[in-house]
Amino acid sequence: MPYNGYNESRKNSTLKYMKDKMKIINLRIPKEKYAQDVEPYIERSGLKMTTFIKKAIQEKIYRDYGVSISLTDADDTSVDSEDSQNTEV
């Protein structure tokens, strides 16, 4: 079946999926702190901001609890748990 574009039905399906399957987390960081202390490392990593944050959460859980979790999608560039221990940021 050829792609017929993004229509109301697809929009509703996407919204339902997001509501049922995803957790939205809002994060507030002062702009100057973000620009000075966070953004340079995200840019240097070459990752999208969301992917960078997910990986930071994964690495923190692994370091503190020794548990490997996966928060990344198949589209995200991920690092396995051994590599994530050695990531310097």
N, C-alpha and C. Protein backbone atom coordinates (compact mmCIF):
# COMPACT_ATOMS: atom_id res chain seq x y z
N MET A 1 0.85 -1.17 0.00
CA MET A 1 0.00 0.00 0.00
C MET A 1 0.90 1.24 0.00
N PRO A 2 0.71 2.13 -0.94
CA PRO A 2 1.55 3.34 -1.00
C PRO A 2 1.25 4.28 0.16
N TYR A 3 2.28 5.03 0.52
CA TYR A 3 2.14 6.00 1.60
C TYR A 3 1.24 7.14 1.15
N ASN A 4 0.21 7.42 1.93
CA ASN A 4 -0.77 8.45 1.59
C ASN A 4 -0.61 9.71 2.42
N GLY A 5 0.53 9.85 3.06
CA GLY A 5 0.76 11.05 3.86
C GLY A 5 0.25 10.91 5.28
N TYR A 6 0.54 11.92 6.03
CA TYR A 6 0.13 11.96 7.43
C TYR A 6 -1.28 12.52 7.49
N ASN A 7 -2.21 11.71 7.95
CA ASN A 7 -3.61 12.16 8.00
C ASN A 7 -4.12 12.11 9.44
N GLU A 8 -5.34 12.46 9.62
CA GLU A 8 -5.94 12.53 10.96
C GLU A 8 -5.91 11.18 11.67
N SER A 9 -6.15 10.11 10.93
CA SER A 9 -6.14 8.77 11.51
C SER A 9 -4.74 8.41 12.03
N ARG A 10 -3.73 8.69 11.23
CA ARG A 10 -2.36 8.41 11.66
C ARG A 10 -1.97 9.28 12.85
N LYS A 11 -2.41 10.53 12.82
CA LYS A 11 -2.13 11.44 13.93
C LYS A 11 -2.73 10.89 15.21
N ASN A 12 -3.99 10.45 15.15
CA ASN A 12 -4.66 9.91 16.33
C ASN A 12 -3.98 8.64 16.82
N SER A 13 -3.54 7.79 15.89
CA SER A 13 -2.83 6.57 16.28
C SER A 13 -1.52 6.90 16.98
N THR A 14 -0.80 7.88 16.46
CA THR A 14 0.46 8.30 17.07
C THR A 14 0.22 8.86 18.47
N LEU A 15 -0.79 9.71 18.60
CA LEU A 15 -1.10 10.29 19.91
C LEU A 15 -1.49 9.22 20.92
N LYS A 16 -2.27 8.24 20.49
CA LYS A 16 -2.68 7.15 21.38
C LYS A 16 -1.46 6.34 21.81
N TYR A 17 -0.58 6.01 20.86
CA TYR A 17 0.63 5.27 21.18
C TYR A 17 1.46 6.04 22.20
N MET A 18 1.67 7.33 21.95
CA MET A 18 2.47 8.15 22.86
C MET A 18 1.86 8.18 24.26
N LYS A 19 0.55 8.30 24.33
CA LYS A 19 -0.14 8.35 25.63
C LYS A 19 -0.02 7.01 26.37
N ASP A 20 -0.20 5.91 25.62
CA ASP A 20 -0.21 4.59 26.24
C ASP A 20 1.18 4.03 26.54
N LYS A 21 2.17 4.37 25.72
CA LYS A 21 3.46 3.70 25.80
C LYS A 21 4.64 4.56 26.25
N MET A 22 4.50 5.86 26.25
CA MET A 22 5.64 6.73 26.52
C MET A 22 5.39 7.58 27.78
N LYS A 23 6.46 7.89 28.48
CA LYS A 23 6.41 8.78 29.64
C LYS A 23 7.15 10.05 29.26
N ILE A 24 6.49 11.18 29.36
CA ILE A 24 7.11 12.46 29.06
C ILE A 24 7.66 13.03 30.36
N ILE A 25 8.93 13.40 30.33
CA ILE A 25 9.59 13.97 31.50
C ILE A 25 10.05 15.37 31.15
N ASN A 26 9.54 16.35 31.86
CA ASN A 26 9.97 17.73 31.65
C ASN A 26 11.18 18.00 32.52
N LEU A 27 12.14 18.70 31.96
CA LEU A 27 13.38 19.01 32.66
C LEU A 27 13.65 20.49 32.50
N ARG A 28 13.81 21.18 33.61
CA ARG A 28 14.08 22.61 33.57
C ARG A 28 15.48 22.87 34.08
N ILE A 29 16.26 23.54 33.24
CA ILE A 29 17.63 23.92 33.57
C ILE A 29 17.78 25.38 33.21
N PRO A 30 18.37 26.19 34.07
CA PRO A 30 18.57 27.59 33.70
C PRO A 30 19.34 27.68 32.38
N LYS A 31 18.91 28.60 31.52
CA LYS A 31 19.50 28.71 30.18
C LYS A 31 21.00 28.87 30.21
N GLU A 32 21.49 29.73 31.11
CA GLU A 32 22.94 29.96 31.14
C GLU A 32 23.70 28.72 31.59
N LYS A 33 23.13 27.95 32.53
CA LYS A 33 23.76 26.71 32.98
C LYS A 33 23.76 25.68 31.86
N TYR A 34 22.63 25.60 31.15
CA TYR A 34 22.55 24.67 30.03
C TYR A 34 23.59 25.01 28.97
N ALA A 35 23.67 26.29 28.60
CA ALA A 35 24.60 26.72 27.55
C ALA A 35 26.05 26.50 27.97
N GLN A 36 26.37 26.72 29.24
CA GLN A 36 27.75 26.59 29.71
C GLN A 36 28.13 25.16 30.07
N ASP A 37 27.24 24.48 30.79
CA ASP A 37 27.62 23.24 31.44
C ASP A 37 27.09 21.96 30.79
N VAL A 38 26.09 22.07 29.93
CA VAL A 38 25.48 20.86 29.37
C VAL A 38 25.64 20.81 27.85
N GLU A 39 25.22 21.83 27.18
CA GLU A 39 25.18 21.83 25.72
C GLU A 39 26.51 21.46 25.06
N PRO A 40 27.64 21.97 25.54
CA PRO A 40 28.91 21.61 24.88
C PRO A 40 29.16 20.09 24.86
N TYR A 41 28.77 19.41 25.93
CA TYR A 41 29.00 17.97 26.01
C TYR A 41 28.02 17.20 25.12
N ILE A 42 26.80 17.69 25.03
CA ILE A 42 25.84 17.05 24.14
C ILE A 42 26.32 17.20 22.70
N GLU A 43 26.73 18.40 22.33
CA GLU A 43 27.22 18.62 20.97
C GLU A 43 28.45 17.78 20.68
N ARG A 44 29.36 17.71 21.63
CA ARG A 44 30.59 16.93 21.45
C ARG A 44 30.29 15.44 21.28
N SER A 45 29.22 14.97 21.92
CA SER A 45 28.87 13.55 21.82
C SER A 45 28.31 13.19 20.46
N GLY A 46 27.72 14.18 19.76
CA GLY A 46 27.11 13.91 18.47
C GLY A 46 25.74 13.26 18.57
N LEU A 47 25.22 13.16 19.79
CA LEU A 47 23.91 12.55 20.00
C LEU A 47 22.82 13.62 20.05
N LYS A 48 21.59 13.19 19.82
CA LYS A 48 20.46 14.08 20.04
C LYS A 48 20.34 14.29 21.55
N MET A 49 19.78 15.42 21.95
CA MET A 49 19.67 15.73 23.37
C MET A 49 18.91 14.62 24.13
N THR A 50 17.80 14.16 23.57
CA THR A 50 17.01 13.13 24.24
C THR A 50 17.83 11.85 24.42
N THR A 51 18.56 11.47 23.39
CA THR A 51 19.38 10.27 23.47
C THR A 51 20.47 10.44 24.52
N PHE A 52 21.10 11.61 24.55
CA PHE A 52 22.14 11.90 25.53
C PHE A 52 21.60 11.76 26.96
N ILE A 53 20.43 12.31 27.21
CA ILE A 53 19.82 12.24 28.54
C ILE A 53 19.46 10.80 28.90
N LYS A 54 18.89 10.07 27.95
CA LYS A 54 18.56 8.66 28.20
C LYS A 54 19.81 7.87 28.57
N LYS A 55 20.89 8.10 27.82
CA LYS A 55 22.13 7.39 28.09
C LYS A 55 22.70 7.77 29.45
N ALA A 56 22.58 9.04 29.83
CA ALA A 56 23.05 9.48 31.14
C ALA A 56 22.28 8.76 32.25
N ILE A 57 20.99 8.62 32.08
CA ILE A 57 20.17 7.89 33.06
C ILE A 57 20.61 6.43 33.13
N GLN A 58 20.78 5.80 31.96
CA GLN A 58 21.23 4.41 31.91
C GLN A 58 22.56 4.23 32.63
N GLU A 59 23.51 5.11 32.35
CA GLU A 59 24.83 5.00 32.95
C GLU A 59 24.79 5.21 34.47
N LYS A 60 23.98 6.14 34.93
CA LYS A 60 23.84 6.39 36.37
C LYS A 60 23.27 5.16 37.08
N ILE A 61 22.25 4.56 36.49
CA ILE A 61 21.65 3.36 37.09
C ILE A 61 22.66 2.22 37.10
N TYR A 62 23.42 2.08 36.01
CA TYR A 62 24.41 1.02 35.95
C TYR A 62 25.50 1.22 37.01
N ARG A 63 26.01 2.46 37.12
CA ARG A 63 27.07 2.75 38.10
C ARG A 63 26.59 2.54 39.54
N ASP A 64 25.39 3.02 39.84
CA ASP A 64 24.91 2.97 41.22
C ASP A 64 24.34 1.61 41.62
N TYR A 65 23.73 0.90 40.66
CA TYR A 65 23.01 -0.32 41.02
C TYR A 65 23.48 -1.56 40.28
N GLY A 66 24.38 -1.39 39.31
CA GLY A 66 24.89 -2.53 38.56
C GLY A 66 23.86 -3.17 37.65
N VAL A 67 22.84 -2.44 37.32
CA VAL A 67 21.76 -2.95 36.47
C VAL A 67 21.82 -2.26 35.11
N SER A 68 21.85 -3.06 34.05
CA SER A 68 21.83 -2.51 32.70
C SER A 68 20.38 -2.40 32.24
N ILE A 69 19.99 -1.20 31.83
CA ILE A 69 18.66 -0.99 31.29
C ILE A 69 18.81 -0.37 29.92
N SER A 70 17.75 -0.42 29.14
CA SER A 70 17.76 0.21 27.83
C SER A 70 16.58 1.18 27.72
N LEU A 71 16.89 2.44 27.56
CA LEU A 71 15.87 3.46 27.37
C LEU A 71 15.86 3.96 25.93
N THR A 72 16.82 3.49 25.13
CA THR A 72 16.96 3.99 23.77
C THR A 72 16.12 3.19 22.80
N ASP A 73 15.70 3.86 21.73
CA ASP A 73 14.96 3.21 20.66
C ASP A 73 15.96 2.61 19.69
N ALA A 74 15.47 1.82 18.77
CA ALA A 74 16.34 1.22 17.75
C ALA A 74 17.03 2.30 16.92
N ASP A 75 16.39 3.45 16.75
CA ASP A 75 16.97 4.54 15.96
C ASP A 75 18.09 5.25 16.68
N ASP A 76 18.13 5.17 17.99
CA ASP A 76 19.15 5.86 18.76
C ASP A 76 20.49 5.13 18.63
N THR A 77 21.56 5.89 18.69
CA THR A 77 22.88 5.29 18.74
C THR A 77 23.12 4.91 20.19
N SER A 78 23.25 3.63 20.44
CA SER A 78 23.40 3.22 21.84
C SER A 78 24.78 2.63 22.07
N VAL A 79 25.17 2.60 23.32
CA VAL A 79 26.44 2.03 23.75
C VAL A 79 26.10 0.90 24.69
N ASP A 80 26.79 -0.24 24.52
CA ASP A 80 26.48 -1.33 25.44
C ASP A 80 27.01 -1.00 26.82
N SER A 81 26.60 -1.76 27.81
CA SER A 81 26.88 -1.40 29.20
C SER A 81 28.37 -1.32 29.50
N GLU A 82 29.22 -2.15 28.87
CA GLU A 82 30.65 -2.06 29.12
C GLU A 82 31.21 -0.73 28.64
N ASP A 83 30.80 -0.30 27.44
CA ASP A 83 31.27 0.98 26.91
C ASP A 83 30.72 2.14 27.72
N SER A 84 29.50 2.02 28.21
CA SER A 84 28.90 3.15 28.93
C SER A 84 29.63 3.41 30.25
N GLN A 85 30.29 2.39 30.81
CA GLN A 85 31.05 2.62 32.03
C GLN A 85 32.25 3.51 31.77
N ASN A 86 32.79 3.42 30.56
CA ASN A 86 34.02 4.13 30.25
C ASN A 86 33.80 5.47 29.55
N THR A 87 32.58 5.88 29.38
CA THR A 87 32.30 7.13 28.70
C THR A 87 32.69 8.28 29.58
N GLU A 88 33.50 9.17 29.04
CA GLU A 88 33.93 10.36 29.78
C GLU A 88 33.17 11.55 29.25
N VAL A 89 32.49 12.23 30.14
CA VAL A 89 31.75 13.45 29.75
C VAL A 89 32.13 14.56 30.69
